[in-house]
Every structure is written in structure tokens, then in C-alpha cells.
Protein backbone atom coordinates (compact mmCIF):
# COMPACT_ATOMS: atom_id res chain seq x y z
CA MET A 1 118.55 99.95 79.93
CA GLU A 2 121.55 100.86 82.06
CA THR A 3 123.50 98.02 83.64
CA LYS A 4 125.91 98.56 86.51
CA HIS A 5 128.16 95.50 86.21
CA PRO A 6 131.66 95.73 84.69
CA GLN A 7 131.25 96.15 80.94
CA GLU A 8 134.45 94.34 79.92
CA GLU A 9 134.32 90.68 78.88
CA TRP A 10 133.92 88.29 81.81
CA TYR A 11 135.84 85.02 81.76
CA ASP A 12 136.42 81.92 83.86
CA THR A 13 140.03 81.66 85.04
CA PHE A 14 142.38 80.63 87.85
CA ASN A 15 144.52 82.89 90.03
CA ASN A 16 148.13 82.21 91.12
CA SER A 17 146.86 80.09 94.04
CA LYS A 18 144.88 77.90 91.61
CA GLU A 19 141.56 79.27 92.89
CA ARG A 20 138.87 79.40 90.22
CA GLY A 21 137.23 82.74 89.64
CA VAL A 22 135.46 84.98 87.18
CA ARG A 23 137.18 88.19 86.18
CA THR A 24 137.47 91.02 83.70
CA LYS A 25 140.59 92.85 82.54
CA GLY A 26 140.01 95.11 85.54
CA GLY A 27 140.03 92.41 88.20
CA TYR A 28 138.17 89.54 89.80
CA ILE A 29 134.41 89.57 90.15
CA CYS A 30 134.23 86.46 92.32
CA PHE A 31 136.20 83.48 93.57
CA MET A 32 134.71 80.03 93.82
CA PRO A 33 135.84 77.53 96.44
CA LYS A 34 136.72 74.16 94.97
CA PRO A 35 134.76 71.23 96.44
CA THR A 36 136.56 69.23 99.11
CA HIS A 37 137.29 65.61 98.30
CA TYR A 38 136.65 63.35 101.29
CA THR A 39 137.55 59.67 101.36
CA GLY A 40 134.59 57.53 100.34
CA GLN A 41 132.66 60.41 98.80
CA ASP A 42 133.93 60.18 95.24
CA GLU A 43 130.49 60.41 93.62
CA ARG A 44 129.51 63.50 95.64
CA TYR A 45 132.87 65.10 94.84
CA GLU A 46 132.54 64.46 91.10
CA THR A 47 129.01 65.91 91.09
CA GLU A 48 130.15 69.02 92.98
CA LEU A 49 133.21 69.39 90.73
CA THR A 50 130.99 69.30 87.63
CA GLU A 51 128.67 71.91 89.18
CA TYR A 52 131.66 74.05 90.21
CA LYS A 53 132.91 74.21 86.62
CA ALA A 54 129.41 74.83 85.21
CA ASN A 55 128.74 77.62 87.75
CA ALA A 56 131.93 79.43 86.74
CA LYS A 57 130.96 79.27 83.07
CA LEU A 58 127.43 80.48 83.82
CA ILE A 59 128.67 83.41 85.93
CA ALA A 60 131.16 84.38 83.20
CA ALA A 61 128.35 84.32 80.61
CA ALA A 62 125.94 86.37 82.77
CA PRO A 63 126.51 89.77 81.09
CA ASP A 64 126.02 88.29 77.63
CA LEU A 65 122.92 86.41 78.76
CA LEU A 66 121.47 89.61 80.24
CA LYS A 67 122.23 91.59 77.09
CA ALA A 68 120.56 88.92 74.92
CA LEU A 69 117.52 88.81 77.21
CA ILE A 70 117.10 92.58 77.10
CA LYS A 71 117.29 92.54 73.27
CA ALA A 72 114.86 89.61 73.02
CA ASN A 73 112.44 91.33 75.40
CA LYS A 74 112.53 94.50 73.28
CA LEU A 75 111.90 92.54 70.07
CA LEU A 76 109.03 90.62 71.63
CA LYS A 77 107.39 93.83 72.81
CA GLU A 78 107.73 95.36 69.36
CA ARG A 79 106.35 92.36 67.47
CA CYS A 80 103.78 90.69 69.72
CA LEU A 81 100.13 91.41 70.19
CA ASP A 82 99.16 93.32 73.33
CA THR A 83 97.61 90.20 74.87
CA ASP A 84 100.85 88.27 74.38
CA ILE A 85 102.98 91.06 75.85
CA GLU A 86 101.28 90.89 79.25
CA PHE A 87 102.20 87.22 79.52
CA LEU A 88 105.78 87.74 78.33
CA GLU A 89 106.47 90.83 80.46
CA LEU A 90 105.58 89.02 83.64
CA ASN A 91 108.67 86.80 83.71
CA ILE A 92 111.16 88.54 81.47
CA ASP A 93 110.82 91.96 83.09
CA GLU A 94 111.12 90.41 86.57
CA VAL A 95 114.33 88.61 85.62
CA ILE A 96 115.83 91.72 84.02
CA ASN A 97 114.88 93.79 87.09
CA ARG A 98 116.51 91.27 89.43
CA ALA A 99 119.73 91.49 87.42
CA THR A 100 119.82 95.28 87.01
CA LYS A 101 118.26 96.85 90.11
């Protein structure tokens, strides 16, 4: 299956302006705005900060997750019974198509 995203390793990093982003050796894929900390909203800020960090890690891992899913899907199709494949294809193929089309 052909994928169109940059094939180099993706990683979570900061630019010179201290903005968080995901990039490859070739350049940035995305920037992520840091949550704003408002007085009296410490709990909301901490929750959003945790999500902000987790989102960057998830985006950086996306190519590896897709590659693993494609391999797992191929193995399942090779080793499962035909009746099992229909069930498995429904969700896995849809997810792979969303990521590659």
C-alpha cells in the first residue's frame, strides 16, 4: 500500500519560538498552539497541557502506527477464516483508507 506522507521519522519538537510541533528532517508537519493559562482556570489548563503533549506524541507516532496497522491487517487476512475476515476488514480497512486516501 502506497502512503503519501513524508517517509522520514516524525518527531515531537520545539521551534526557535518555543512552539511545539511535529517534524521530519525535511521540515515541520504541523505546529500546535500551547493552551492559554487564565487566572482561576488552573485545572482546565493542566488538563489541556497534558492533552497538548499527548497529541504531539500521537501525531509523531502516526506513520509508525499506520505501518503497524497495515502489517497487522495483512497478517489477519492471511491467517483468519473467511468469516472472521469480513468482521475485521470492516474497521481496519476503513481506518487505513482514511489515513491513506
